[in-house]
Amino acid sequence: MIYLLLKGVELYSLLLVIYALLSWFPGGYQSPFGKLLARLCEPYLSLFDRLNLHFGPIDFTIMAAILLLNFASRGLVILIGTFL
């Protein structure tokens, strides 16, 4: 169960990175793949919109989202491990 949780977090983190890289390609978000990624990633990323992590032209929202997701999953693994 823990293995599946960590693999799921790893996969979602990869999807978030790919979503961020799509901004480098004109029309990347309008492609069918870009729209699918937007439907998967934007609900989670919208939780971080209030933090205003834009510094000049660079947006650190996705990096913060990935870090929090990984910290939370590691904390959950530790918590589950204490009960096993």
PDB file of N, CA and C in Angstrom:
ATOM      1  N   MET A   1       0.825  -1.189   0.000  1.00  0.00           N
ATOM      2  CA  MET A   1       0.000   0.000   0.000  1.00  0.00           C
ATOM      3  C   MET A   1       0.875   1.260   0.000  1.00  0.00           C
ATOM      4  N   ILE A   2       1.909   1.253   0.818  1.00  0.00           N
ATOM      5  CA  ILE A   2       2.809   2.406   0.877  1.00  0.00           C
ATOM      6  C   ILE A   2       3.520   2.586  -0.462  1.00  0.00           C
ATOM      7  N   TYR A   3       3.905   1.470  -1.072  1.00  0.00           N
ATOM      8  CA  TYR A   3       4.575   1.516  -2.370  1.00  0.00           C
ATOM      9  C   TYR A   3       3.678   2.191  -3.413  1.00  0.00           C
ATOM     10  N   LEU A   4       2.392   1.824  -3.425  1.00  0.00           N
ATOM     11  CA  LEU A   4       1.457   2.418  -4.389  1.00  0.00           C
ATOM     12  C   LEU A   4       1.261   3.908  -4.129  1.00  0.00           C
ATOM     13  N   LEU A   5       1.218   4.295  -2.874  1.00  0.00           N
ATOM     14  CA  LEU A   5       1.096   5.709  -2.527  1.00  0.00           C
ATOM     15  C   LEU A   5       2.292   6.494  -3.055  1.00  0.00           C
ATOM     16  N   LEU A   6       3.482   5.981  -2.799  1.00  0.00           N
ATOM     17  CA  LEU A   6       4.684   6.687  -3.250  1.00  0.00           C
ATOM     18  C   LEU A   6       4.790   6.728  -4.772  1.00  0.00           C
ATOM     19  N   LYS A   7       4.403   5.654  -5.435  1.00  0.00           N
ATOM     20  CA  LYS A   7       4.430   5.643  -6.905  1.00  0.00           C
ATOM     21  C   LYS A   7       3.390   6.608  -7.475  1.00  0.00           C
ATOM     22  N   GLY A   8       2.234   6.690  -6.831  1.00  0.00           N
ATOM     23  CA  GLY A   8       1.206   7.634  -7.269  1.00  0.00           C
ATOM     24  C   GLY A   8       1.672   9.077  -7.130  1.00  0.00           C
ATOM     25  N   VAL A   9       2.326   9.388  -6.018  1.00  0.00           N
ATOM     26  CA  VAL A   9       2.867  10.736  -5.803  1.00  0.00           C
ATOM     27  C   VAL A   9       3.968  11.023  -6.820  1.00  0.00           C
ATOM     28  N   GLU A  10       4.795  10.038  -7.095  1.00  0.00           N
ATOM     29  CA  GLU A  10       5.859  10.203  -8.093  1.00  0.00           C
ATOM     30  C   GLU A  10       5.272  10.473  -9.477  1.00  0.00           C
ATOM     31  N   LEU A  11       4.239   9.734  -9.839  1.00  0.00           N
ATOM     32  CA  LEU A  11       3.597   9.925 -11.137  1.00  0.00           C
ATOM     33  C   LEU A  11       2.941  11.298 -11.227  1.00  0.00           C
ATOM     34  N   TYR A  12       2.232  11.706 -10.175  1.00  0.00           N
ATOM     35  CA  TYR A  12       1.569  13.007 -10.197  1.00  0.00           C
ATOM     36  C   TYR A  12       2.600  14.140 -10.230  1.00  0.00           C
ATOM     37  N   SER A  13       3.710  13.976  -9.529  1.00  0.00           N
ATOM     38  CA  SER A  13       4.779  14.975  -9.579  1.00  0.00           C
ATOM     39  C   SER A  13       5.337  15.096 -10.992  1.00  0.00           C
ATOM     40  N   LEU A  14       5.484  13.974 -11.668  1.00  0.00           N
ATOM     41  CA  LEU A  14       5.952  13.984 -13.054  1.00  0.00           C
ATOM     42  C   LEU A  14       4.950  14.703 -13.954  1.00  0.00           C
ATOM     43  N   LEU A  15       3.664  14.454 -13.738  1.00  0.00           N
ATOM     44  CA  LEU A  15       2.640  15.148 -14.518  1.00  0.00           C
ATOM     45  C   LEU A  15       2.693  16.654 -14.282  1.00  0.00           C
ATOM     46  N   LEU A  16       2.944  17.068 -13.049  1.00  0.00           N
ATOM     47  CA  LEU A  16       3.064  18.496 -12.751  1.00  0.00           C
ATOM     48  C   LEU A  16       4.269  19.108 -13.462  1.00  0.00           C
ATOM     49  N   VAL A  17       5.372  18.393 -13.523  1.00  0.00           N
ATOM     50  CA  VAL A  17       6.568  18.892 -14.221  1.00  0.00           C
ATOM     51  C   VAL A  17       6.282  19.012 -15.717  1.00  0.00           C
ATOM     52  N   ILE A  18       5.633  18.013 -16.288  1.00  0.00           N
ATOM     53  CA  ILE A  18       5.289  18.066 -17.711  1.00  0.00           C
ATOM     54  C   ILE A  18       4.332  19.222 -17.979  1.00  0.00           C
ATOM     55  N   TYR A  19       3.383  19.431 -17.068  1.00  0.00           N
ATOM     56  CA  TYR A  19       2.450  20.551 -17.199  1.00  0.00           C
ATOM     57  C   TYR A  19       3.200  21.885 -17.200  1.00  0.00           C
ATOM     58  N   ALA A  20       4.204  22.007 -16.344  1.00  0.00           N
ATOM     59  CA  ALA A  20       5.003  23.236 -16.305  1.00  0.00           C
ATOM     60  C   ALA A  20       5.804  23.406 -17.596  1.00  0.00           C
ATOM     61  N   LEU A  21       6.347  22.311 -18.114  1.00  0.00           N
ATOM     62  CA  LEU A  21       7.148  22.399 -19.337  1.00  0.00           C
ATOM     63  C   LEU A  21       6.312  22.748 -20.566  1.00  0.00           C
ATOM     64  N   LEU A  22       5.014  22.460 -20.506  1.00  0.00           N
ATOM     65  CA  LEU A  22       4.145  22.807 -21.640  1.00  0.00           C
ATOM     66  C   LEU A  22       4.087  24.313 -21.876  1.00  0.00           C
ATOM     67  N   SER A  23       4.390  25.097 -20.854  1.00  0.00           N
ATOM     68  CA  SER A  23       4.356  26.555 -21.025  1.00  0.00           C
ATOM     69  C   SER A  23       5.451  27.027 -21.975  1.00  0.00           C
ATOM     70  N   TRP A  24       6.440  26.217 -22.224  1.00  0.00           N
ATOM     71  CA  TRP A  24       7.513  26.590 -23.139  1.00  0.00           C
ATOM     72  C   TRP A  24       7.118  26.444 -24.605  1.00  0.00           C
ATOM     73  N   PHE A  25       6.020  25.731 -24.868  1.00  0.00           N
ATOM     74  CA  PHE A  25       5.600  25.461 -26.241  1.00  0.00           C
ATOM     75  C   PHE A  25       4.344  26.252 -26.572  1.00  0.00           C
ATOM     76  N   PRO A  26       4.380  27.042 -27.634  1.00  0.00           N
ATOM     77  CA  PRO A  26       3.182  27.786 -28.017  1.00  0.00           C
ATOM     78  C   PRO A  26       2.020  26.838 -28.312  1.00  0.00           C
ATOM     79  N   GLY A  27       0.904  27.083 -27.700  1.00  0.00           N
ATOM     80  CA  GLY A  27      -0.274  26.250 -27.914  1.00  0.00           C
ATOM     81  C   GLY A  27      -0.217  24.927 -27.181  1.00  0.00           C
ATOM     82  N   GLY A  28       0.744  24.765 -26.287  1.00  0.00           N
ATOM     83  CA  GLY A  28       0.886  23.506 -25.569  1.00  0.00           C
ATOM     84  C   GLY A  28      -0.312  23.184 -24.702  1.00  0.00           C
ATOM     85  N   TYR A  29      -0.891  24.208 -24.082  1.00  0.00           N
ATOM     86  CA  TYR A  29      -2.044  23.984 -23.214  1.00  0.00           C
ATOM     87  C   TYR A  29      -3.332  23.779 -24.005  1.00  0.00           C
ATOM     88  N   GLN A  30      -3.338  24.150 -25.285  1.00  0.00           N
ATOM     89  CA  GLN A  30      -4.533  23.976 -26.105  1.00  0.00           C
ATOM     90  C   GLN A  30      -4.572  22.633 -26.819  1.00  0.00           C
ATOM     91  N   SER A  31      -3.495  21.886 -26.770  1.00  0.00           N
ATOM     92  CA  SER A  31      -3.472  20.568 -27.396  1.00  0.00           C
ATOM     93  C   SER A  31      -4.322  19.600 -26.556  1.00  0.00           C
ATOM     94  N   PRO A  32      -4.765  18.498 -27.144  1.00  0.00           N
ATOM     95  CA  PRO A  32      -5.545  17.527 -26.358  1.00  0.00           C
ATOM     96  C   PRO A  32      -4.796  17.023 -25.123  1.00  0.00           C
ATOM     97  N   PHE A  33      -3.485  16.789 -25.267  1.00  0.00           N
ATOM     98  CA  PHE A  33      -2.688  16.350 -24.127  1.00  0.00           C
ATOM     99  C   PHE A  33      -2.597  17.450 -23.072  1.00  0.00           C
ATOM    100  N   GLY A  34      -2.435  18.690 -23.526  1.00  0.00           N
ATOM    101  CA  GLY A  34      -2.369  19.821 -22.606  1.00  0.00           C
ATOM    102  C   GLY A  34      -3.673  20.022 -21.857  1.00  0.00           C
ATOM    103  N   LYS A  35      -4.792  19.830 -22.544  1.00  0.00           N
ATOM    104  CA  LYS A  35      -6.095  19.958 -21.885  1.00  0.00           C
ATOM    105  C   LYS A  35      -6.301  18.858 -20.851  1.00  0.00           C
ATOM    106  N   LEU A  36      -5.846  17.644 -21.166  1.00  0.00           N
ATOM    107  CA  LEU A  36      -5.948  16.545 -20.210  1.00  0.00           C
ATOM    108  C   LEU A  36      -5.103  16.835 -18.971  1.00  0.00           C
ATOM    109  N   LEU A  37      -3.874  17.300 -19.189  1.00  0.00           N
ATOM    110  CA  LEU A  37      -3.016  17.644 -18.059  1.00  0.00           C
ATOM    111  C   LEU A  37      -3.599  18.779 -17.235  1.00  0.00           C
ATOM    112  N   ALA A  38      -4.203  19.745 -17.898  1.00  0.00           N
ATOM    113  CA  ALA A  38      -4.823  20.855 -17.177  1.00  0.00           C
ATOM    114  C   ALA A  38      -5.953  20.356 -16.283  1.00  0.00           C
ATOM    115  N   ARG A  39      -6.752  19.426 -16.783  1.00  0.00           N
ATOM    116  CA  ARG A  39      -7.848  18.877 -15.974  1.00  0.00           C
ATOM    117  C   ARG A  39      -7.323  18.093 -14.777  1.00  0.00           C
ATOM    118  N   LEU A  40      -6.149  17.499 -14.907  1.00  0.00           N
ATOM    119  CA  LEU A  40      -5.572  16.727 -13.812  1.00  0.00           C
ATOM    120  C   LEU A  40      -4.794  17.597 -12.818  1.00  0.00           C
ATOM    121  N   CYS A  41      -4.120  18.618 -13.317  1.00  0.00           N
ATOM    122  CA  CYS A  41      -3.197  19.388 -12.484  1.00  0.00           C
ATOM    123  C   CYS A  41      -3.783  20.673 -11.895  1.00  0.00           C
ATOM    124  N   GLU A  42      -4.625  21.354 -12.625  1.00  0.00           N
ATOM    125  CA  GLU A  42      -5.094  22.663 -12.175  1.00  0.00           C
ATOM    126  C   GLU A  42      -5.911  22.646 -10.889  1.00  0.00           C
ATOM    127  N   PRO A  43      -6.728  21.627 -10.615  1.00  0.00           N
ATOM    128  CA  PRO A  43      -7.427  21.649  -9.309  1.00  0.00           C
ATOM    129  C   PRO A  43      -6.463  21.676  -8.120  1.00  0.00           C
ATOM    130  N   TYR A  44      -5.394  20.907  -8.186  1.00  0.00           N
ATOM    131  CA  TYR A  44      -4.410  20.914  -7.104  1.00  0.00           C
ATOM    132  C   TYR A  44      -3.607  22.214  -7.096  1.00  0.00           C
ATOM    133  N   LEU A  45      -3.216  22.686  -8.262  1.00  0.00           N
ATOM    134  CA  LEU A  45      -2.422  23.912  -8.340  1.00  0.00           C
ATOM    135  C   LEU A  45      -3.217  25.139  -7.915  1.00  0.00           C
ATOM    136  N   SER A  46      -4.531  25.105  -8.064  1.00  0.00           N
ATOM    137  CA  SER A  46      -5.351  26.253  -7.669  1.00  0.00           C
ATOM    138  C   SER A  46      -5.296  26.492  -6.161  1.00  0.00           C
ATOM    139  N   LEU A  47      -4.939  25.476  -5.393  1.00  0.00           N
ATOM    140  CA  LEU A  47      -4.786  25.649  -3.949  1.00  0.00           C
ATOM    141  C   LEU A  47      -3.625  26.584  -3.610  1.00  0.00           C
ATOM    142  N   PHE A  48      -2.692  26.734  -4.512  1.00  0.00           N
ATOM    143  CA  PHE A  48      -1.488  27.534  -4.276  1.00  0.00           C
ATOM    144  C   PHE A  48      -1.566  28.924  -4.903  1.00  0.00           C
ATOM    145  N   ASP A  49      -2.661  29.252  -5.571  1.00  0.00           N
ATOM    146  CA  ASP A  49      -2.773  30.542  -6.250  1.00  0.00           C
ATOM    147  C   ASP A  49      -2.712  31.720  -5.281  1.00  0.00           C
ATOM    148  N   ARG A  50      -3.214  31.542  -4.084  1.00  0.00           N
ATOM    149  CA  ARG A  50      -3.236  32.638  -3.107  1.00  0.00           C
ATOM    150  C   ARG A  50      -1.853  32.992  -2.584  1.00  0.00           C
ATOM    151  N   LEU A  51      -0.899  32.104  -2.738  1.00  0.00           N
ATOM    152  CA  LEU A  51       0.430  32.334  -2.185  1.00  0.00           C
ATOM    153  C   LEU A  51       1.243  33.342  -2.990  1.00  0.00           C
ATOM    154  N   ASN A  52       0.832  33.614  -4.222  1.00  0.00           N
ATOM    155  CA  ASN A  52       1.518  34.573  -5.087  1.00  0.00           C
ATOM    156  C   ASN A  52       3.016  34.272  -5.156  1.00  0.00           C
ATOM    157  N   LEU A  53       3.340  33.162  -5.737  1.00  0.00           N
ATOM    158  CA  LEU A  53       4.724  32.714  -5.848  1.00  0.00           C
ATOM    159  C   LEU A  53       5.362  33.109  -7.182  1.00  0.00           C
ATOM    160  N   HIS A  54       4.930  34.219  -7.739  1.00  0.00           N
ATOM    161  CA  HIS A  54       5.495  34.745  -8.988  1.00  0.00           C
ATOM    162  C   HIS A  54       6.575  35.763  -8.627  1.00  0.00           C
ATOM    163  N   PHE A  55       7.768  35.530  -9.101  1.00  0.00           N
ATOM    164  CA  PHE A  55       8.855  36.469  -8.910  1.00  0.00           C
ATOM    165  C   PHE A  55       9.382  36.839 -10.281  1.00  0.00           C
ATOM    166  N   GLY A  56       8.930  37.992 -10.757  1.00  0.00           N
ATOM    167  CA  GLY A  56       9.257  38.392 -12.119  1.00  0.00           C
ATOM    168  C   GLY A  56       8.564  37.450 -13.084  1.00  0.00           C
ATOM    169  N   PRO A  57       9.273  36.995 -14.096  1.00  0.00           N
ATOM    170  CA  PRO A  57       8.638  36.097 -15.067  1.00  0.00           C
ATOM    171  C   PRO A  57       8.609  34.632 -14.617  1.00  0.00           C
ATOM    172  N   ILE A  58       9.152  34.350 -13.442  1.00  0.00           N
ATOM    173  CA  ILE A  58       9.259  32.959 -12.986  1.00  0.00           C
ATOM    174  C   ILE A  58       8.167  32.674 -11.964  1.00  0.00           C
ATOM    175  N   ASP A  59       7.479  31.549 -12.165  1.00  0.00           N
ATOM    176  CA  ASP A  59       6.417  31.124 -11.265  1.00  0.00           C
ATOM    177  C   ASP A  59       6.877  29.867 -10.514  1.00  0.00           C
ATOM    178  N   PHE A  60       6.920  29.970  -9.198  1.00  0.00           N
ATOM    179  CA  PHE A  60       7.374  28.861  -8.366  1.00  0.00           C
ATOM    180  C   PHE A  60       6.204  28.056  -7.787  1.00  0.00           C
ATOM    181  N   THR A  61       5.000  28.267  -8.297  1.00  0.00           N
ATOM    182  CA  THR A  61       3.824  27.589  -7.775  1.00  0.00           C
ATOM    183  C   THR A  61       3.942  26.079  -7.924  1.00  0.00           C
ATOM    184  N   ILE A  62       4.353  25.617  -9.076  1.00  0.00           N
ATOM    185  CA  ILE A  62       4.428  24.171  -9.311  1.00  0.00           C
ATOM    186  C   ILE A  62       5.513  23.541  -8.441  1.00  0.00           C
ATOM    187  N   MET A  63       6.621  24.232  -8.258  1.00  0.00           N
ATOM    188  CA  MET A  63       7.672  23.693  -7.398  1.00  0.00           C
ATOM    189  C   MET A  63       7.173  23.576  -5.956  1.00  0.00           C
ATOM    190  N   ALA A  64       6.455  24.578  -5.472  1.00  0.00           N
ATOM    191  CA  ALA A  64       5.904  24.517  -4.116  1.00  0.00           C
ATOM    192  C   ALA A  64       4.882  23.394  -4.003  1.00  0.00           C
ATOM    193  N   ALA A  65       4.072  23.215  -5.030  1.00  0.00           N
ATOM    194  CA  ALA A  65       3.061  22.151  -5.017  1.00  0.00           C
ATOM    195  C   ALA A  65       3.714  20.775  -4.973  1.00  0.00           C
ATOM    196  N   ILE A  66       4.764  20.591  -5.739  1.00  0.00           N
ATOM    197  CA  ILE A  66       5.467  19.306  -5.754  1.00  0.00           C
ATOM    198  C   ILE A  66       6.145  19.049  -4.406  1.00  0.00           C
ATOM    199  N   LEU A  67       6.782  20.078  -3.859  1.00  0.00           N
ATOM    200  CA  LEU A  67       7.438  19.908  -2.557  1.00  0.00           C
ATOM    201  C   LEU A  67       6.436  19.542  -1.467  1.00  0.00           C
ATOM    202  N   LEU A  68       5.308  20.242  -1.421  1.00  0.00           N
ATOM    203  CA  LEU A  68       4.306  19.944  -0.407  1.00  0.00           C
ATOM    204  C   LEU A  68       3.730  18.541  -0.593  1.00  0.00           C
ATOM    205  N   LEU A  69       3.476  18.163  -1.831  1.00  0.00           N
ATOM    206  CA  LEU A  69       2.951  16.829  -2.109  1.00  0.00           C
ATOM    207  C   LEU A  69       3.930  15.747  -1.636  1.00  0.00           C
ATOM    208  N   ASN A  70       5.205  15.934  -1.899  1.00  0.00           N
ATOM    209  CA  ASN A  70       6.206  14.952  -1.489  1.00  0.00           C
ATOM    210  C   ASN A  70       6.407  14.935   0.024  1.00  0.00           C
ATOM    211  N   PHE A  71       6.416  16.109   0.658  1.00  0.00           N
ATOM    212  CA  PHE A  71       6.526  16.142   2.123  1.00  0.00           C
ATOM    213  C   PHE A  71       5.327  15.472   2.774  1.00  0.00           C
ATOM    214  N   ALA A  72       4.144  15.737   2.254  1.00  0.00           N
ATOM    215  CA  ALA A  72       2.935  15.135   2.819  1.00  0.00           C
ATOM    216  C   ALA A  72       2.941  13.621   2.650  1.00  0.00           C
ATOM    217  N   SER A  73       3.382  13.146   1.492  1.00  0.00           N
ATOM    218  CA  SER A  73       3.399  11.697   1.281  1.00  0.00           C
ATOM    219  C   SER A  73       4.432  11.026   2.188  1.00  0.00           C
ATOM    220  N   ARG A  74       5.582  11.651   2.358  1.00  0.00           N
ATOM    221  CA  ARG A  74       6.606  11.084   3.251  1.00  0.00           C
ATOM    222  C   ARG A  74       6.109  11.083   4.699  1.00  0.00           C
ATOM    223  N   GLY A  75       5.436  12.152   5.093  1.00  0.00           N
ATOM    224  CA  GLY A  75       4.870  12.196   6.443  1.00  0.00           C
ATOM    225  C   GLY A  75       3.815  11.129   6.650  1.00  0.00           C
ATOM    226  N   LEU A  76       3.011  10.898   5.626  1.00  0.00           N
ATOM    227  CA  LEU A  76       1.990   9.858   5.708  1.00  0.00           C
ATOM    228  C   LEU A  76       2.624   8.476   5.793  1.00  0.00           C
ATOM    229  N   VAL A  77       3.703   8.279   5.065  1.00  0.00           N
ATOM    230  CA  VAL A  77       4.408   6.991   5.126  1.00  0.00           C
ATOM    231  C   VAL A  77       4.967   6.774   6.534  1.00  0.00           C
ATOM    232  N   ILE A  78       5.535   7.804   7.124  1.00  0.00           N
ATOM    233  CA  ILE A  78       6.055   7.680   8.485  1.00  0.00           C
ATOM    234  C   ILE A  78       4.918   7.390   9.460  1.00  0.00           C
ATOM    235  N   LEU A  79       3.808   8.091   9.287  1.00  0.00           N
ATOM    236  CA  LEU A  79       2.648   7.886  10.163  1.00  0.00           C
ATOM    237  C   LEU A  79       2.096   6.479  10.024  1.00  0.00           C
ATOM    238  N   ILE A  80       1.978   5.992   8.818  1.00  0.00           N
ATOM    239  CA  ILE A  80       1.494   4.614   8.600  1.00  0.00           C
ATOM    240  C   ILE A  80       2.490   3.610   9.159  1.00  0.00           C
ATOM    241  N   GLY A  81       3.768   3.896   8.984  1.00  0.00           N
ATOM    242  CA  GLY A  81       4.807   2.987   9.478  1.00  0.00           C
ATOM    243  C   GLY A  81       4.802   2.848  10.989  1.00  0.00           C
ATOM    244  N   THR A  82       4.383   3.874  11.702  1.00  0.00           N
ATOM    245  CA  THR A  82       4.354   3.763  13.161  1.00  0.00           C
ATOM    246  C   THR A  82       3.214   2.878  13.638  1.00  0.00           C
ATOM    247  N   PHE A  83       2.191   2.737  12.825  1.00  0.00           N
ATOM    248  CA  PHE A  83       1.057   1.896  13.203  1.00  0.00           C
ATOM    249  C   PHE A  83       1.211   0.454  12.759  1.00  0.00           C
ATOM    250  N   LEU A  84       2.196   0.176  11.931  1.00  0.00           N
ATOM    251  CA  LEU A  84       2.383  -1.209  11.456  1.00  0.00           C
ATOM    252  C   LEU A  84       3.319  -1.993  12.329  1.00  0.00           C
TER     253      LEU A  84
END
